[in-house]
Protein backbone atom coordinates (compact mmCIF):
# COMPACT_ATOMS: atom_id res chain seq x y z
CA MET A 1 -15.85 -19.55 -45.38
CA PRO A 2 -18.09 -20.80 -42.67
CA GLU A 3 -21.42 -20.66 -44.51
CA LEU A 4 -20.59 -21.09 -48.21
CA ASP A 5 -17.70 -22.58 -49.98
CA GLY A 6 -16.19 -20.65 -52.88
CA TYR A 7 -18.29 -22.48 -55.46
CA GLU A 8 -21.55 -21.77 -53.62
CA ALA A 9 -20.55 -18.15 -53.02
CA THR A 10 -19.82 -17.67 -56.74
CA ALA A 11 -23.17 -19.19 -57.65
CA GLU A 12 -24.89 -16.84 -55.24
CA LEU A 13 -23.03 -13.80 -56.62
CA ARG A 14 -23.99 -14.71 -60.14
CA ARG A 15 -27.62 -15.40 -59.13
CA ARG A 16 -27.95 -12.05 -57.41
CA GLY A 17 -26.07 -10.00 -59.96
CA ALA A 18 -27.89 -7.51 -62.15
CA PRO A 19 -28.03 -8.33 -65.85
CA GLY A 20 -25.02 -6.87 -67.59
CA GLU A 21 -23.11 -6.36 -64.34
CA ARG A 22 -20.72 -9.14 -63.75
CA GLY A 23 -17.67 -8.46 -61.56
CA PRO A 24 -14.79 -10.91 -61.87
CA VAL A 25 -14.45 -13.67 -59.33
CA ILE A 26 -10.91 -14.97 -58.75
CA ALA A 27 -10.56 -18.16 -56.77
CA ILE A 28 -7.69 -18.62 -54.43
CA THR A 29 -7.34 -22.37 -54.03
CA ALA A 30 -5.16 -24.78 -52.10
CA GLN A 31 -5.68 -27.33 -54.78
CA ALA A 32 -3.00 -27.15 -57.44
CA THR A 33 -4.46 -29.75 -59.83
CA ASP A 34 -5.48 -29.07 -63.39
CA GLY A 35 -8.99 -30.26 -62.64
CA GLU A 36 -9.41 -27.69 -59.89
CA GLY A 37 -8.92 -24.78 -62.27
CA GLU A 38 -11.44 -26.18 -64.67
CA ARG A 39 -13.86 -26.69 -61.75
CA CYS A 40 -13.47 -23.04 -60.76
CA LEU A 41 -14.28 -21.89 -64.31
CA GLN A 42 -17.22 -24.17 -64.63
CA ALA A 43 -18.59 -22.78 -61.35
CA GLY A 44 -18.75 -19.28 -62.87
CA MET A 45 -15.42 -17.96 -61.56
CA ASP A 46 -13.33 -15.98 -64.05
CA ASP A 47 -9.86 -17.09 -62.99
CA PHE A 48 -7.92 -18.77 -60.24
CA ILE A 49 -4.62 -18.75 -58.44
CA SER A 50 -3.13 -21.51 -56.33
CA LYS A 51 -1.71 -21.30 -52.85
CA PRO A 52 0.92 -20.69 -51.77
CA MET A 53 0.63 -17.40 -53.64
CA ARG A 54 3.58 -15.32 -54.59
CA PHE A 55 3.06 -11.52 -54.37
CA GLU A 56 4.00 -11.06 -58.03
CA ALA A 57 1.53 -13.75 -59.23
CA LEU A 58 -1.28 -12.15 -57.20
CA ARG A 59 -0.36 -8.74 -58.46
CA SER A 60 -0.35 -9.85 -62.08
CA MET A 61 -3.75 -11.57 -61.70
CA LEU A 62 -5.32 -8.46 -60.15
CA LEU A 63 -3.81 -6.12 -62.76
CA LYS A 64 -5.12 -8.42 -65.53
CA TRP A 65 -8.70 -8.19 -64.25
CA VAL A 66 -8.63 -4.54 -63.27
CA LYS A 67 -7.36 -3.74 -66.77
CA ALA A 68 -10.16 -5.82 -68.32
CA GLU A 69 -12.76 -3.99 -66.17
CA LEU A 70 -11.34 -0.56 -67.15
CA ASP A 71 -11.26 -1.45 -70.81
CA ALA A 72 -14.90 -2.51 -70.61
CA THR A 73 -15.81 0.64 -68.73
CA GLU A 74 -13.90 2.89 -71.01
CA ALA A 75 -15.75 1.31 -74.04
CA CYS A 76 -19.00 2.61 -72.45
CA SER A 77 -17.67 5.89 -71.02
CA PRO A 78 -14.45 7.45 -72.30
CA ASP A 79 -14.22 9.54 -69.10
CA ALA A 80 -14.04 6.44 -66.88
CA SER A 81 -10.22 6.51 -66.70
CA ASP A 82 -10.59 9.83 -64.79
CA ALA A 83 -11.53 7.74 -61.77
CA LEU A 84 -8.07 6.30 -61.61
CA SER A 85 -6.36 9.68 -61.46
CA ALA A 86 -8.67 10.97 -58.80
CA THR A 87 -7.48 11.11 -55.17
CA PRO A 88 -9.27 8.55 -53.05
CA ARG A 89 -11.53 10.03 -50.46
CA GLN A 90 -11.03 8.61 -46.94
CA VAL A 91 -14.36 7.63 -45.27
CA PRO A 92 -14.10 7.33 -41.54
CA ALA A 93 -15.57 4.18 -40.02
CA THR A 94 -17.98 6.50 -38.12
CA ALA A 95 -19.37 8.05 -41.24
CA PRO A 96 -23.13 8.26 -41.34
CA GLY A 97 -24.55 5.04 -42.73
CA ALA A 98 -21.27 3.07 -42.41
CA ALA A 99 -22.56 0.71 -39.71
CA SER A 100 -26.08 0.56 -41.11
CA SER A 101 -24.88 -0.77 -44.47
CA LEU A 102 -23.27 -3.92 -42.86
CA PRO A 103 -26.43 -5.97 -42.67
CA ARG A 104 -27.34 -5.18 -46.30
CA ILE A 105 -23.84 -6.24 -47.43
CA ARG A 106 -24.07 -9.49 -45.48
CA SER A 107 -27.48 -10.44 -46.90
């Protein structure tokens, strides 16, 4: 990342996050050492995967964290699982507000 490394980006995400709303951060690192994984966790990341990634390893990691998020959501709202069965709505790139939201996302 040109402006922040993964550790700084994670710290900023955690700093800006609302209390009680903590999305998982999964590091993708080129370092395969044991110490690198610990460093990721100490920086506030939730998990890590080393490069080169294999599709199955990435898939397993994502499923692990999506399931954890769903379990937490279902504990608060039993109807949350309905969102998975819903058909995703396609939003065209020219949708009203699509371009105007970019500066907010970047800041």
